[in-house]
């Protein structure tokens, strides 16, 4: 086996290991979602991940701005916390999307 073949095999193993680790941490749900989105839109997985990251960051910024407005308007910490919790449920978990981005980078 040449050095290039060993390097390719090592990268493939790292990608498979990373994907398996991520599948365990996500329960497969996020990966299945990303795969379905990629197939439905004829996009690459990487493009879907970047779109999800952009959406999650934008959504988080919007929720934080709304929370700041609530505090400025006199809302209690509990009200703001409940609002943020409810609002962020629909946002993909950023740390998991970033992990998948790292798996894609290894490939």
C-alpha atoms as a PDB file:
ATOM      1  CA  UNK A   1       0.000   0.000   0.000  1.00  0.00           C
ATOM      2  CA  UNK A   2       1.393   3.362  -1.019  1.00  0.00           C
ATOM      3  CA  UNK A   3       1.550   6.374   1.260  1.00  0.00           C
ATOM      4  CA  UNK A   4      -1.308   8.023  -0.650  1.00  0.00           C
ATOM      5  CA  UNK A   5      -3.466   4.896  -0.278  1.00  0.00           C
ATOM      6  CA  UNK A   6      -2.726   4.738   3.450  1.00  0.00           C
ATOM      7  CA  UNK A   7      -3.623   8.407   3.806  1.00  0.00           C
ATOM      8  CA  UNK A   8      -6.911   7.887   1.926  1.00  0.00           C
ATOM      9  CA  UNK A   9      -7.719   4.831   4.040  1.00  0.00           C
ATOM     10  CA  UNK A  10      -6.948   6.773   7.221  1.00  0.00           C
ATOM     11  CA  UNK A  11      -9.222   9.651   6.150  1.00  0.00           C
ATOM     12  CA  UNK A  12     -12.012   7.242   5.231  1.00  0.00           C
ATOM     13  CA  UNK A  13     -11.710   5.556   8.633  1.00  0.00           C
ATOM     14  CA  UNK A  14     -11.760   8.928  10.436  1.00  0.00           C
ATOM     15  CA  UNK A  15     -14.843   9.969   8.466  1.00  0.00           C
ATOM     16  CA  UNK A  16     -16.592   6.676   9.246  1.00  0.00           C
ATOM     17  CA  UNK A  17     -15.624   6.908  12.921  1.00  0.00           C
ATOM     18  CA  UNK A  18     -16.785  10.525  13.086  1.00  0.00           C
ATOM     19  CA  UNK A  19     -20.063   9.680  11.394  1.00  0.00           C
ATOM     20  CA  UNK A  20     -20.633   6.724  13.737  1.00  0.00           C
ATOM     21  CA  UNK A  21     -19.861   8.872  16.796  1.00  0.00           C
ATOM     22  CA  UNK A  22     -22.184  11.570  15.560  1.00  0.00           C
ATOM     23  CA  UNK A  23     -24.927   9.020  14.816  1.00  0.00           C
ATOM     24  CA  UNK A  24     -24.706   7.878  18.431  1.00  0.00           C
ATOM     25  CA  UNK A  25     -24.865  11.418  19.818  1.00  0.00           C
ATOM     26  CA  UNK A  26     -27.701  12.449  17.490  1.00  0.00           C
ATOM     27  CA  UNK A  27     -29.632   9.217  17.539  1.00  0.00           C
ATOM     28  CA  UNK A  28     -29.441   9.362  13.749  1.00  0.00           C
ATOM     29  CA  UNK A  29     -32.182  11.976  13.500  1.00  0.00           C
ATOM     30  CA  UNK A  30     -30.112  14.969  12.444  1.00  0.00           C
ATOM     31  CA  UNK A  31     -28.041  12.962   9.966  1.00  0.00           C
ATOM     32  CA  UNK A  32     -31.166  11.507   8.374  1.00  0.00           C
ATOM     33  CA  UNK A  33     -32.626  15.003   8.165  1.00  0.00           C
ATOM     34  CA  UNK A  34     -29.450  16.363   6.536  1.00  0.00           C
ATOM     35  CA  UNK A  35     -29.359  13.476   4.061  1.00  0.00           C
ATOM     36  CA  UNK A  36     -33.036  13.966   3.131  1.00  0.00           C
ATOM     37  CA  UNK A  37     -32.533  17.716   2.706  1.00  0.00           C
ATOM     38  CA  UNK A  38     -29.488  17.125   0.511  1.00  0.00           C
ATOM     39  CA  UNK A  39     -31.346  14.639  -1.690  1.00  0.00           C
ATOM     40  CA  UNK A  40     -34.515  16.732  -1.916  1.00  0.00           C
ATOM     41  CA  UNK A  41     -32.664  19.860  -2.946  1.00  0.00           C
ATOM     42  CA  UNK A  42     -29.959  18.174  -5.009  1.00  0.00           C
ATOM     43  CA  UNK A  43     -27.469  19.807  -2.650  1.00  0.00           C
ATOM     44  CA  UNK A  44     -24.373  18.441  -1.024  1.00  0.00           C
ATOM     45  CA  UNK A  45     -24.457  17.536   2.637  1.00  0.00           C
ATOM     46  CA  UNK A  46     -21.946  20.302   3.270  1.00  0.00           C
ATOM     47  CA  UNK A  47     -24.243  22.891   1.685  1.00  0.00           C
ATOM     48  CA  UNK A  48     -27.158  21.716   3.849  1.00  0.00           C
ATOM     49  CA  UNK A  49     -24.975  21.919   6.975  1.00  0.00           C
ATOM     50  CA  UNK A  50     -23.867  25.461   6.130  1.00  0.00           C
ATOM     51  CA  UNK A  51     -27.497  26.473   5.547  1.00  0.00           C
ATOM     52  CA  UNK A  52     -28.489  24.944   8.900  1.00  0.00           C
ATOM     53  CA  UNK A  53     -25.634  26.771  10.635  1.00  0.00           C
ATOM     54  CA  UNK A  54     -26.701  30.044   9.057  1.00  0.00           C
ATOM     55  CA  UNK A  55     -30.311  29.453  10.085  1.00  0.00           C
ATOM     56  CA  UNK A  56     -29.334  28.510  13.649  1.00  0.00           C
ATOM     57  CA  UNK A  57     -27.094  31.554  14.058  1.00  0.00           C
ATOM     58  CA  UNK A  58     -29.723  33.915  12.613  1.00  0.00           C
ATOM     59  CA  UNK A  59     -32.464  32.394  14.744  1.00  0.00           C
ATOM     60  CA  UNK A  60     -30.336  32.604  17.885  1.00  0.00           C
ATOM     61  CA  UNK A  61     -29.519  36.264  17.215  1.00  0.00           C
ATOM     62  CA  UNK A  62     -33.217  37.029  16.700  1.00  0.00           C
ATOM     63  CA  UNK A  63     -34.243  35.268  19.915  1.00  0.00           C
ATOM     64  CA  UNK A  64     -31.531  37.052  21.916  1.00  0.00           C
ATOM     65  CA  UNK A  65     -32.626  40.435  20.521  1.00  0.00           C
ATOM     66  CA  UNK A  66     -36.244  39.671  21.436  1.00  0.00           C
ATOM     67  CA  UNK A  67     -35.183  38.583  24.930  1.00  0.00           C
ATOM     68  CA  UNK A  68     -33.284  41.852  25.406  1.00  0.00           C
ATOM     69  CA  UNK A  69     -36.412  43.768  24.354  1.00  0.00           C
ATOM     70  CA  UNK A  70     -38.470  41.761  26.846  1.00  0.00           C
ATOM     71  CA  UNK A  71     -36.026  42.609  29.655  1.00  0.00           C
ATOM     72  CA  UNK A  72     -36.057  46.272  28.633  1.00  0.00           C
ATOM     73  CA  UNK A  73     -39.854  46.144  28.744  1.00  0.00           C
ATOM     74  CA  UNK A  74     -39.798  44.861  32.319  1.00  0.00           C
ATOM     75  CA  UNK A  75     -40.253  41.109  31.804  1.00  0.00           C
ATOM     76  CA  UNK A  76     -39.022  38.860  34.603  1.00  0.00           C
ATOM     77  CA  UNK A  77     -36.060  36.512  34.204  1.00  0.00           C
ATOM     78  CA  UNK A  78     -38.454  33.543  34.339  1.00  0.00           C
ATOM     79  CA  UNK A  79     -40.603  34.959  31.523  1.00  0.00           C
ATOM     80  CA  UNK A  80     -37.567  35.611  29.351  1.00  0.00           C
ATOM     81  CA  UNK A  81     -36.111  32.182  30.117  1.00  0.00           C
ATOM     82  CA  UNK A  82     -39.409  30.489  29.181  1.00  0.00           C
ATOM     83  CA  UNK A  83     -39.587  32.511  25.962  1.00  0.00           C
ATOM     84  CA  UNK A  84     -36.021  31.618  24.997  1.00  0.00           C
ATOM     85  CA  UNK A  85     -36.529  27.951  25.805  1.00  0.00           C
ATOM     86  CA  UNK A  86     -39.695  27.753  23.698  1.00  0.00           C
ATOM     87  CA  UNK A  87     -38.163  29.752  20.853  1.00  0.00           C
ATOM     88  CA  UNK A  88     -34.962  27.728  20.628  1.00  0.00           C
ATOM     89  CA  UNK A  89     -36.717  24.355  20.411  1.00  0.00           C
ATOM     90  CA  UNK A  90     -37.201  24.847  16.678  1.00  0.00           C
ATOM     91  CA  UNK A  91     -33.552  25.774  16.114  1.00  0.00           C
ATOM     92  CA  UNK A  92     -31.150  22.984  15.190  1.00  0.00           C
ATOM     93  CA  UNK A  93     -28.656  22.353  17.987  1.00  0.00           C
ATOM     94  CA  UNK A  94     -25.613  24.320  16.884  1.00  0.00           C
ATOM     95  CA  UNK A  95     -23.018  22.104  18.526  1.00  0.00           C
ATOM     96  CA  UNK A  96     -24.351  19.013  16.724  1.00  0.00           C
ATOM     97  CA  UNK A  97     -24.445  20.741  13.344  1.00  0.00           C
ATOM     98  CA  UNK A  98     -20.861  21.909  13.913  1.00  0.00           C
ATOM     99  CA  UNK A  99     -19.809  18.330  14.744  1.00  0.00           C
ATOM    100  CA  UNK A 100     -21.298  17.145  11.459  1.00  0.00           C
ATOM    101  CA  UNK A 101     -19.465  19.962   9.660  1.00  0.00           C
ATOM    102  CA  UNK A 102     -16.210  18.610  11.122  1.00  0.00           C
ATOM    103  CA  UNK A 103     -17.062  15.105   9.887  1.00  0.00           C
ATOM    104  CA  UNK A 104     -17.605  16.503   6.391  1.00  0.00           C
ATOM    105  CA  UNK A 105     -14.284  18.343   6.540  1.00  0.00           C
ATOM    106  CA  UNK A 106     -12.451  15.070   7.265  1.00  0.00           C
ATOM    107  CA  UNK A 107     -13.832  13.415   4.103  1.00  0.00           C
END
